Amino acid sequence: MKRLSEAIKENGAAAVLQLVVLSVFNGEETWVNSRDGKRAITGDEIKQLVKGKEISFMTNSIVYFEEMGKVNTVETLVVSKKRALELGIRQVLVASSHGYTAKEAARIFEGTGIEVIAVTISEGYKEEGWCMTSGERQELEKAGVKVLTSQLSLGGGVGEAFLGESSPLSIVSSTFYCFSQGMKVAIEIAIMAAEARYVSTDKEVISIAGTDEGADTAIVLVPSYARKFKELRVREILCKPRMG
């Protein structure tokens, strides 16, 4: 396999600059793609290519669950706690219908100084049985959990009343479902919390949600307001179901 210096000589720097790094370069041999196939290069060679400029990167693992749903709740929260402490994140959002996930979060995050915010669904879903009761809310608040009840930010509004699954919000929601149900909800509750001024739009938070019950998906993101949705940034995926 050719080295980077040979690739530049044959193809020109412009072509080689289109390399897509497939694994982290740390001074060992790394496989990359260029215009005309794979080439073996080293991290030092990549640094030479960018003329000695510092290349900044970090690595982190993603946990993939073989099952979806409540069975993954504790592990999801433990993974989230670890990353929150590593990154200095001070707020964690948790989707919670009747308080189970939020109570587990309060227990696991106790003593860390990290604020746990439970985001619940509004009365429009009372018939489905998804709404938190006043007693469940009080129990969470006694445990130190801040509770927000709000209309969904990615569906369940006037647009869906007229257009159903063809509404723009439904299309966005369906796109996030391609990752997992929890991915859609985790992004959704971050917008809801930003709109209510529970979280800032210029600081990272961890958002946690799941499939039907419990938690199985966690992400690091910078929230946005609904009208500035294109400014929302998902920084890291911490865990998700591999299926679903």
Protein backbone atom coordinates (compact mmCIF):
# COMPACT_ATOMS: atom_id res chain seq x y z
CA MET A 1 0.00 0.00 0.00
CA LYS A 2 1.23 3.51 -0.82
CA ARG A 3 2.13 6.06 1.82
CA LEU A 4 0.69 9.56 1.97
CA SER A 5 3.75 11.17 0.36
CA GLU A 6 3.37 8.86 -2.66
CA ALA A 7 -0.37 9.54 -2.84
CA ILE A 8 0.25 13.28 -2.96
CA LYS A 9 2.87 12.89 -5.66
CA GLU A 10 0.55 10.81 -7.85
CA ASN A 11 -2.79 12.52 -7.21
CA GLY A 12 -2.01 15.97 -5.88
CA ALA A 13 -2.70 17.39 -2.45
CA ALA A 14 -6.25 18.43 -3.37
CA ALA A 15 -7.26 14.85 -4.08
CA VAL A 16 -5.63 13.48 -0.97
CA LEU A 17 -7.29 16.13 1.17
CA GLN A 18 -10.56 14.36 0.42
CA LEU A 19 -9.44 11.44 2.57
CA VAL A 20 -12.06 10.08 4.89
CA VAL A 21 -10.45 8.78 8.06
CA LEU A 22 -12.03 5.46 9.03
CA SER A 23 -10.31 5.04 12.39
CA VAL A 24 -8.61 7.28 14.90
CA PHE A 25 -5.10 8.23 13.91
CA ASN A 26 -2.66 7.97 16.80
CA GLY A 27 0.69 7.48 15.11
CA GLU A 28 -0.07 3.91 14.06
CA GLU A 29 -1.04 2.82 10.57
CA THR A 30 -4.57 3.93 9.70
CA TRP A 31 -6.78 2.97 6.75
CA VAL A 32 -8.38 5.78 4.78
CA ASN A 33 -10.27 6.23 1.53
CA SER A 34 -9.08 8.44 -1.31
CA ARG A 35 -10.39 8.92 -4.81
CA ASP A 36 -8.80 5.78 -6.15
CA GLY A 37 -9.14 3.37 -3.27
CA LYS A 38 -7.71 2.57 0.15
CA ARG A 39 -4.30 3.74 1.26
CA ALA A 40 -2.36 3.08 4.42
CA ILE A 41 -1.13 6.23 6.15
CA THR A 42 -0.02 7.22 9.62
CA GLY A 43 -1.18 9.90 12.00
CA ASP A 44 2.13 11.71 11.63
CA GLU A 45 1.67 11.86 7.88
CA ILE A 46 -1.80 13.34 8.26
CA LYS A 47 -0.36 16.04 10.51
CA GLN A 48 2.26 16.83 7.85
CA LEU A 49 -0.50 17.18 5.28
CA VAL A 50 -2.25 19.86 7.30
CA LYS A 51 1.08 21.69 7.65
CA GLY A 52 1.67 21.00 11.30
CA LYS A 53 -1.64 22.39 12.53
CA GLU A 54 -3.00 20.79 15.67
CA ILE A 55 -5.71 18.21 14.94
CA SER A 56 -8.18 18.14 17.80
CA PHE A 57 -10.33 15.06 18.41
CA MET A 58 -11.76 12.89 21.16
CA THR A 59 -12.90 9.28 21.33
CA ASN A 60 -15.80 7.73 23.20
CA SER A 61 -17.65 4.45 22.99
CA ILE A 62 -21.33 3.95 22.17
CA VAL A 63 -23.34 1.30 24.00
CA TYR A 64 -25.70 -0.66 21.75
CA PHE A 65 -28.44 -2.59 23.53
CA GLU A 66 -29.64 -5.88 22.08
CA GLU A 67 -33.12 -5.25 23.50
CA MET A 68 -35.29 -2.14 23.51
CA GLY A 69 -37.07 -0.55 26.42
CA LYS A 70 -37.23 -0.54 30.20
CA VAL A 71 -34.68 -3.31 30.76
CA ASN A 72 -31.94 -0.86 29.75
CA THR A 73 -32.95 1.98 32.06
CA VAL A 74 -30.32 1.62 34.77
CA GLU A 75 -27.46 1.04 32.32
CA THR A 76 -28.56 4.06 30.26
CA LEU A 77 -28.52 6.24 33.36
CA VAL A 78 -25.14 4.91 34.52
CA VAL A 79 -23.60 5.58 31.10
CA SER A 80 -25.12 9.07 31.13
CA LYS A 81 -23.83 9.83 34.61
CA LYS A 82 -20.30 8.79 33.66
CA ARG A 83 -20.25 11.00 30.58
CA ALA A 84 -21.86 13.94 32.36
CA LEU A 85 -19.12 13.89 34.97
CA GLU A 86 -16.42 13.59 32.30
CA LEU A 87 -17.77 16.57 30.35
CA GLY A 88 -18.81 18.68 33.32
CA ILE A 89 -22.45 18.68 32.25
CA ARG A 90 -24.73 20.03 34.98
CA GLN A 91 -28.21 19.13 33.69
CA VAL A 92 -29.82 15.89 32.57
CA LEU A 93 -33.20 15.67 30.87
CA VAL A 94 -35.29 12.54 31.33
CA ALA A 95 -38.50 11.67 29.50
CA SER A 96 -40.90 10.25 32.06
CA SER A 97 -44.60 9.43 31.87
CA HIS A 98 -45.31 8.14 35.37
CA GLY A 99 -42.02 8.74 37.14
CA TYR A 100 -40.12 5.46 36.95
CA THR A 101 -37.19 6.70 34.86
CA ALA A 102 -37.04 10.01 36.70
CA LYS A 103 -36.93 8.30 40.11
CA GLU A 104 -34.15 6.00 38.94
CA ALA A 105 -32.28 9.03 37.63
CA ALA A 106 -32.66 10.83 40.97
CA ARG A 107 -31.19 7.80 42.71
CA ILE A 108 -28.28 7.30 40.33
CA PHE A 109 -27.35 10.99 40.04
CA GLU A 110 -27.69 11.66 43.77
CA GLY A 111 -24.68 13.45 45.21
CA THR A 112 -23.28 14.56 41.85
CA GLY A 113 -24.73 18.07 41.87
CA ILE A 114 -26.24 17.36 38.45
CA GLU A 115 -29.81 18.60 38.08
CA VAL A 116 -32.33 16.01 36.92
CA ILE A 117 -35.26 17.40 34.94
CA ALA A 118 -38.20 15.14 34.13
CA VAL A 119 -40.14 16.14 31.02
CA THR A 120 -43.69 14.86 30.83
CA ILE A 121 -46.37 14.88 28.18
CA SER A 122 -49.32 17.31 28.21
CA GLU A 123 -53.00 16.61 28.82
CA GLY A 124 -53.65 16.05 25.13
CA TYR A 125 -52.58 12.43 25.68
CA LYS A 126 -54.68 11.75 28.76
CA GLU A 127 -56.84 9.20 26.91
CA GLU A 128 -53.72 7.18 26.10
CA GLY A 129 -52.83 7.06 29.79
CA TRP A 130 -49.45 8.76 29.25
CA CYS A 131 -49.96 11.77 31.53
CA MET A 132 -48.30 12.08 34.92
CA THR A 133 -50.67 12.38 37.87
CA SER A 134 -50.35 15.12 40.48
CA GLY A 135 -49.33 12.50 43.04
CA GLU A 136 -46.56 11.16 40.80
CA ARG A 137 -45.35 14.69 40.18
CA GLN A 138 -45.22 15.50 43.89
CA GLU A 139 -43.27 12.32 44.56
CA LEU A 140 -40.63 13.32 42.03
CA GLU A 141 -40.38 16.84 43.34
CA LYS A 142 -39.83 15.49 46.84
CA ALA A 143 -36.95 13.46 45.42
CA GLY A 144 -35.38 16.66 44.10
CA VAL A 145 -36.44 16.26 40.48
CA LYS A 146 -37.64 19.31 38.60
CA VAL A 147 -40.72 18.45 36.52
CA LEU A 148 -41.83 20.07 33.27
CA THR A 149 -45.13 19.31 31.54
CA SER A 150 -45.40 20.62 28.01
CA GLN A 151 -46.94 20.05 24.60
CA LEU A 152 -44.72 17.92 22.40
CA SER A 153 -42.34 19.92 20.25
CA LEU A 154 -42.13 17.40 17.40
CA GLY A 155 -45.77 16.53 16.91
CA GLY A 156 -49.16 16.38 18.56
CA GLY A 157 -50.12 19.93 17.59
CA VAL A 158 -52.45 21.77 15.25
CA GLY A 159 -50.48 20.74 12.17
CA GLU A 160 -51.02 17.05 12.95
CA ALA A 161 -54.74 17.67 13.50
CA PHE A 162 -55.01 18.68 9.85
CA LEU A 163 -52.20 16.83 8.09
CA GLY A 164 -51.55 13.80 10.28
CA GLU A 165 -48.33 11.99 9.39
CA SER A 166 -47.80 14.31 6.41
CA SER A 167 -47.14 17.35 8.58
CA PRO A 168 -43.58 18.72 8.64
CA LEU A 169 -43.19 17.84 12.32
CA SER A 170 -44.32 14.28 11.73
CA ILE A 171 -41.76 13.93 8.96
CA VAL A 172 -39.00 15.19 11.25
CA SER A 173 -40.16 12.80 13.98
CA SER A 174 -40.19 9.86 11.61
CA THR A 175 -36.63 10.66 10.58
CA PHE A 176 -35.42 10.49 14.17
CA TYR A 177 -37.30 7.22 14.63
CA CYS A 178 -34.84 5.76 12.12
CA PHE A 179 -32.33 5.88 14.99
CA SER A 180 -34.76 4.84 17.73
CA GLN A 181 -37.92 6.03 19.40
CA GLY A 182 -35.77 7.31 22.22
CA MET A 183 -33.72 9.45 19.82
CA LYS A 184 -36.84 11.28 18.69
CA VAL A 185 -38.04 11.81 22.24
CA ALA A 186 -34.62 12.84 23.59
CA ILE A 187 -34.37 15.60 20.98
CA GLU A 188 -38.00 16.55 21.50
CA ILE A 189 -37.76 17.04 25.26
CA ALA A 190 -34.64 19.16 24.84
CA ILE A 191 -36.63 21.61 22.73
CA MET A 192 -39.50 21.53 25.25
CA ALA A 193 -37.10 22.27 28.11
CA ALA A 194 -35.43 25.11 26.20
CA GLU A 195 -38.77 26.73 25.43
CA ALA A 196 -39.65 26.63 29.14
CA ARG A 197 -36.23 28.10 30.10
CA TYR A 198 -35.32 24.98 32.06
CA VAL A 199 -32.12 24.61 30.01
CA SER A 200 -29.90 26.99 28.09
CA THR A 201 -29.40 26.92 24.32
CA ASP A 202 -25.66 27.50 24.63
CA LYS A 203 -24.68 24.69 26.99
CA GLU A 204 -24.51 20.93 26.54
CA VAL A 205 -27.00 18.73 28.34
CA ILE A 206 -27.64 15.01 28.32
CA SER A 207 -31.09 13.96 27.17
CA ILE A 208 -32.47 10.51 27.98
CA ALA A 209 -35.52 8.70 26.62
CA GLY A 210 -36.66 5.23 25.65
CA THR A 211 -38.95 2.88 23.79
CA ASP A 212 -42.45 2.88 25.31
CA GLU A 213 -41.25 2.56 28.93
CA GLY A 214 -38.00 3.29 30.71
CA ALA A 215 -34.85 4.49 28.98
CA ASP A 216 -32.61 3.03 26.28
CA THR A 217 -31.25 6.10 24.45
CA ALA A 218 -29.01 8.92 25.69
CA ILE A 219 -27.36 11.76 23.79
CA VAL A 220 -25.25 14.81 24.48
CA LEU A 221 -26.70 17.82 22.72
CA VAL A 222 -27.01 21.57 22.67
CA PRO A 223 -30.75 22.39 22.77
CA SER A 224 -32.54 24.95 20.65
CA TYR A 225 -35.88 26.70 20.61
CA ALA A 226 -38.47 25.26 18.25
CA ARG A 227 -38.30 28.18 15.82
CA LYS A 228 -34.51 27.81 15.72
CA PHE A 229 -34.56 24.05 15.35
CA LYS A 230 -31.75 24.07 12.77
CA GLU A 231 -29.40 25.33 15.49
CA LEU A 232 -29.89 22.21 17.64
CA ARG A 233 -26.77 20.07 17.69
CA VAL A 234 -26.42 16.44 18.71
CA ARG A 235 -22.83 16.20 19.91
CA GLU A 236 -22.64 12.57 21.00
CA ILE A 237 -24.70 9.38 21.03
CA LEU A 238 -24.01 7.60 24.31
CA CYS A 239 -26.29 4.60 23.91
CA LYS A 240 -29.25 3.33 21.90
CA PRO A 241 -30.93 0.05 21.00
CA ARG A 242 -29.24 -1.72 18.12
CA MET A 243 -32.65 -2.89 16.97
CA GLY A 244 -35.62 -0.55 16.67
